[in-house]
Amino acid sequence: MAAGKKKKGPRQLVGLQCTECKKHNYTTTYNRNNEILKKQSGEKESFPLSKYCKVCKKHTAHKAMKKLK
């Protein structure tokens, strides 16, 4: 795959932001279609995730950010 080409499909690139210190720590992908189906069926959503924050030095909840810095 050449650099600069977009991937085709439902997977979206998102950044994860710590809910306590508001720092951007991780980037990940998720399947947007699965999230829509989870909302419709009433299942638990994927976000927030519990991840280790280097600034807080503990595991905290990380929420998805659409805009990557």
N, C-alpha and C. Protein backbone atom coordinates (compact mmCIF):
# COMPACT_ATOMS: atom_id res chain seq x y z
N MET A 1 0.85 -1.18 0.00
CA MET A 1 0.00 0.00 0.00
C MET A 1 0.89 1.24 0.00
N ALA A 2 0.62 2.15 -0.87
CA ALA A 2 1.42 3.37 -0.99
C ALA A 2 1.10 4.33 0.16
N ALA A 3 2.08 5.10 0.54
CA ALA A 3 1.89 6.07 1.62
C ALA A 3 0.88 7.13 1.19
N GLY A 4 0.02 7.51 2.10
CA GLY A 4 -0.94 8.56 1.83
C GLY A 4 -2.28 8.08 1.31
N LYS A 5 -2.41 6.78 1.03
CA LYS A 5 -3.69 6.27 0.55
C LYS A 5 -4.57 5.94 1.74
N LYS A 6 -5.87 6.20 1.58
CA LYS A 6 -6.82 5.86 2.63
C LYS A 6 -7.23 4.41 2.51
N LYS A 7 -7.46 3.79 3.65
CA LYS A 7 -7.98 2.44 3.65
C LYS A 7 -9.46 2.48 3.34
N LYS A 8 -9.92 1.48 2.64
CA LYS A 8 -11.35 1.38 2.37
C LYS A 8 -11.96 0.46 3.40
N GLY A 9 -13.15 0.77 3.84
CA GLY A 9 -13.82 -0.08 4.81
C GLY A 9 -14.29 0.69 6.02
N PRO A 10 -14.90 -0.03 6.95
CA PRO A 10 -15.52 0.62 8.11
C PRO A 10 -14.58 0.96 9.25
N ARG A 11 -13.31 0.51 9.20
CA ARG A 11 -12.40 0.78 10.33
C ARG A 11 -11.98 2.24 10.34
N GLN A 12 -12.09 2.86 11.53
CA GLN A 12 -11.78 4.27 11.70
C GLN A 12 -10.59 4.42 12.65
N LEU A 13 -9.71 5.36 12.35
CA LEU A 13 -8.58 5.66 13.21
C LEU A 13 -9.03 6.69 14.24
N VAL A 14 -8.80 6.40 15.53
CA VAL A 14 -9.17 7.32 16.60
C VAL A 14 -8.02 7.45 17.58
N GLY A 15 -7.98 8.55 18.28
CA GLY A 15 -7.03 8.76 19.35
C GLY A 15 -7.71 8.53 20.68
N LEU A 16 -6.96 8.09 21.67
CA LEU A 16 -7.50 7.88 23.01
C LEU A 16 -6.94 8.94 23.94
N GLN A 17 -7.84 9.59 24.69
CA GLN A 17 -7.48 10.68 25.58
C GLN A 17 -7.84 10.29 27.01
N CYS A 18 -6.90 10.52 27.92
CA CYS A 18 -7.13 10.23 29.34
C CYS A 18 -8.23 11.14 29.86
N THR A 19 -9.17 10.57 30.62
CA THR A 19 -10.27 11.38 31.14
C THR A 19 -9.86 12.22 32.35
N GLU A 20 -8.74 11.88 33.00
CA GLU A 20 -8.30 12.64 34.18
C GLU A 20 -7.38 13.80 33.82
N CYS A 21 -6.32 13.52 33.05
CA CYS A 21 -5.35 14.59 32.75
C CYS A 21 -5.55 15.20 31.35
N LYS A 22 -6.44 14.62 30.54
CA LYS A 22 -6.79 15.13 29.20
C LYS A 22 -5.64 15.06 28.20
N LYS A 23 -4.66 14.17 28.43
CA LYS A 23 -3.55 14.01 27.51
C LYS A 23 -3.87 12.92 26.49
N HIS A 24 -3.42 13.13 25.25
CA HIS A 24 -3.58 12.15 24.18
C HIS A 24 -2.47 11.12 24.33
N ASN A 25 -2.83 9.85 24.57
CA ASN A 25 -1.84 8.83 24.87
C ASN A 25 -1.72 7.74 23.81
N TYR A 26 -2.79 7.32 23.21
CA TYR A 26 -2.78 6.17 22.32
C TYR A 26 -3.55 6.48 21.04
N THR A 27 -3.24 5.71 19.98
CA THR A 27 -4.06 5.70 18.78
C THR A 27 -4.46 4.26 18.51
N THR A 28 -5.65 4.07 18.00
CA THR A 28 -6.15 2.74 17.72
C THR A 28 -7.19 2.83 16.61
N THR A 29 -7.66 1.69 16.15
CA THR A 29 -8.73 1.66 15.16
C THR A 29 -9.91 0.91 15.76
N TYR A 30 -11.08 1.19 15.25
CA TYR A 30 -12.26 0.45 15.66
C TYR A 30 -13.21 0.36 14.48
N ASN A 31 -14.08 -0.63 14.52
CA ASN A 31 -15.04 -0.85 13.45
C ASN A 31 -16.29 -0.02 13.73
N ARG A 32 -16.50 1.00 12.94
CA ARG A 32 -17.61 1.93 13.16
C ARG A 32 -18.96 1.24 13.02
N ASN A 33 -19.07 0.29 12.09
CA ASN A 33 -20.34 -0.42 11.89
C ASN A 33 -20.71 -1.22 13.13
N ASN A 34 -19.74 -1.85 13.78
CA ASN A 34 -20.02 -2.61 14.99
C ASN A 34 -20.50 -1.70 16.11
N GLU A 35 -19.94 -0.50 16.22
CA GLU A 35 -20.37 0.44 17.27
C GLU A 35 -21.82 0.87 17.05
N ILE A 36 -22.21 1.08 15.81
CA ILE A 36 -23.59 1.47 15.50
C ILE A 36 -24.54 0.33 15.88
N LEU A 37 -24.17 -0.90 15.56
CA LEU A 37 -25.00 -2.06 15.90
C LEU A 37 -25.10 -2.24 17.41
N LYS A 38 -24.02 -1.98 18.14
CA LYS A 38 -24.05 -2.09 19.60
C LYS A 38 -25.01 -1.08 20.20
N LYS A 39 -25.01 0.15 19.67
CA LYS A 39 -25.93 1.18 20.19
C LYS A 39 -27.38 0.78 19.95
N GLN A 40 -27.67 0.23 18.78
CA GLN A 40 -29.03 -0.14 18.44
C GLN A 40 -29.54 -1.31 19.28
N SER A 41 -28.66 -2.27 19.58
CA SER A 41 -29.08 -3.45 20.32
C SER A 41 -29.01 -3.25 21.84
N GLY A 42 -28.44 -2.13 22.29
CA GLY A 42 -28.37 -1.85 23.72
C GLY A 42 -27.18 -2.48 24.41
N GLU A 43 -26.22 -3.01 23.65
CA GLU A 43 -25.03 -3.60 24.25
C GLU A 43 -24.09 -2.51 24.76
N LYS A 44 -23.13 -2.94 25.58
CA LYS A 44 -22.11 -2.02 26.10
C LYS A 44 -21.20 -1.58 24.97
N GLU A 45 -20.92 -0.29 24.89
CA GLU A 45 -20.04 0.25 23.85
C GLU A 45 -18.58 -0.02 24.19
N SER A 46 -17.69 0.11 23.21
CA SER A 46 -16.27 -0.18 23.38
C SER A 46 -15.53 0.88 24.17
N PHE A 47 -16.00 2.11 24.14
CA PHE A 47 -15.30 3.20 24.81
C PHE A 47 -16.11 3.68 25.98
N PRO A 48 -15.52 4.11 27.08
CA PRO A 48 -14.10 4.30 27.35
C PRO A 48 -13.39 3.00 27.67
N LEU A 49 -12.09 2.97 27.34
CA LEU A 49 -11.23 1.83 27.62
C LEU A 49 -10.36 2.15 28.82
N SER A 50 -10.00 1.15 29.60
CA SER A 50 -9.07 1.33 30.70
C SER A 50 -7.66 1.10 30.18
N LYS A 51 -6.84 2.15 30.15
CA LYS A 51 -5.48 2.08 29.64
C LYS A 51 -4.54 2.74 30.64
N TYR A 52 -3.26 2.42 30.54
CA TYR A 52 -2.26 3.03 31.42
C TYR A 52 -1.90 4.41 30.91
N CYS A 53 -1.95 5.41 31.78
CA CYS A 53 -1.57 6.78 31.43
C CYS A 53 -0.19 7.05 32.02
N LYS A 54 0.76 7.44 31.16
CA LYS A 54 2.13 7.71 31.61
C LYS A 54 2.20 8.97 32.46
N VAL A 55 1.30 9.92 32.23
CA VAL A 55 1.32 11.17 32.98
C VAL A 55 0.76 10.94 34.39
N CYS A 56 -0.38 10.26 34.48
CA CYS A 56 -1.01 9.98 35.79
C CYS A 56 -0.32 8.83 36.53
N LYS A 57 0.41 7.99 35.79
CA LYS A 57 1.10 6.81 36.33
C LYS A 57 0.14 5.81 36.98
N LYS A 58 -1.00 5.61 36.32
CA LYS A 58 -1.97 4.61 36.77
C LYS A 58 -2.94 4.31 35.63
N HIS A 59 -3.73 3.27 35.81
CA HIS A 59 -4.74 2.93 34.82
C HIS A 59 -5.94 3.85 34.99
N THR A 60 -6.34 4.48 33.89
CA THR A 60 -7.50 5.37 33.90
C THR A 60 -8.36 5.08 32.69
N ALA A 61 -9.56 5.62 32.69
CA ALA A 61 -10.45 5.48 31.54
C ALA A 61 -9.96 6.42 30.43
N HIS A 62 -9.93 5.92 29.21
CA HIS A 62 -9.55 6.70 28.04
C HIS A 62 -10.72 6.74 27.07
N LYS A 63 -11.12 7.93 26.66
CA LYS A 63 -12.23 8.06 25.72
C LYS A 63 -11.69 8.31 24.31
N ALA A 64 -12.53 8.06 23.34
CA ALA A 64 -12.13 8.22 21.93
C ALA A 64 -12.22 9.68 21.52
N MET A 65 -11.18 10.14 20.81
CA MET A 65 -11.17 11.48 20.21
C MET A 65 -11.18 11.30 18.71
N LYS A 66 -12.00 12.07 18.01
CA LYS A 66 -12.04 11.97 16.56
C LYS A 66 -10.86 12.67 15.93
N LYS A 67 -10.50 13.85 16.44
CA LYS A 67 -9.41 14.63 15.85
C LYS A 67 -8.09 14.16 16.44
N LEU A 68 -7.20 13.71 15.58
CA LEU A 68 -5.88 13.31 16.03
C LEU A 68 -4.93 14.49 15.91
N LYS A 69 -4.10 14.68 16.92
CA LYS A 69 -3.17 15.79 16.91
C LYS A 69 -1.85 15.39 16.34
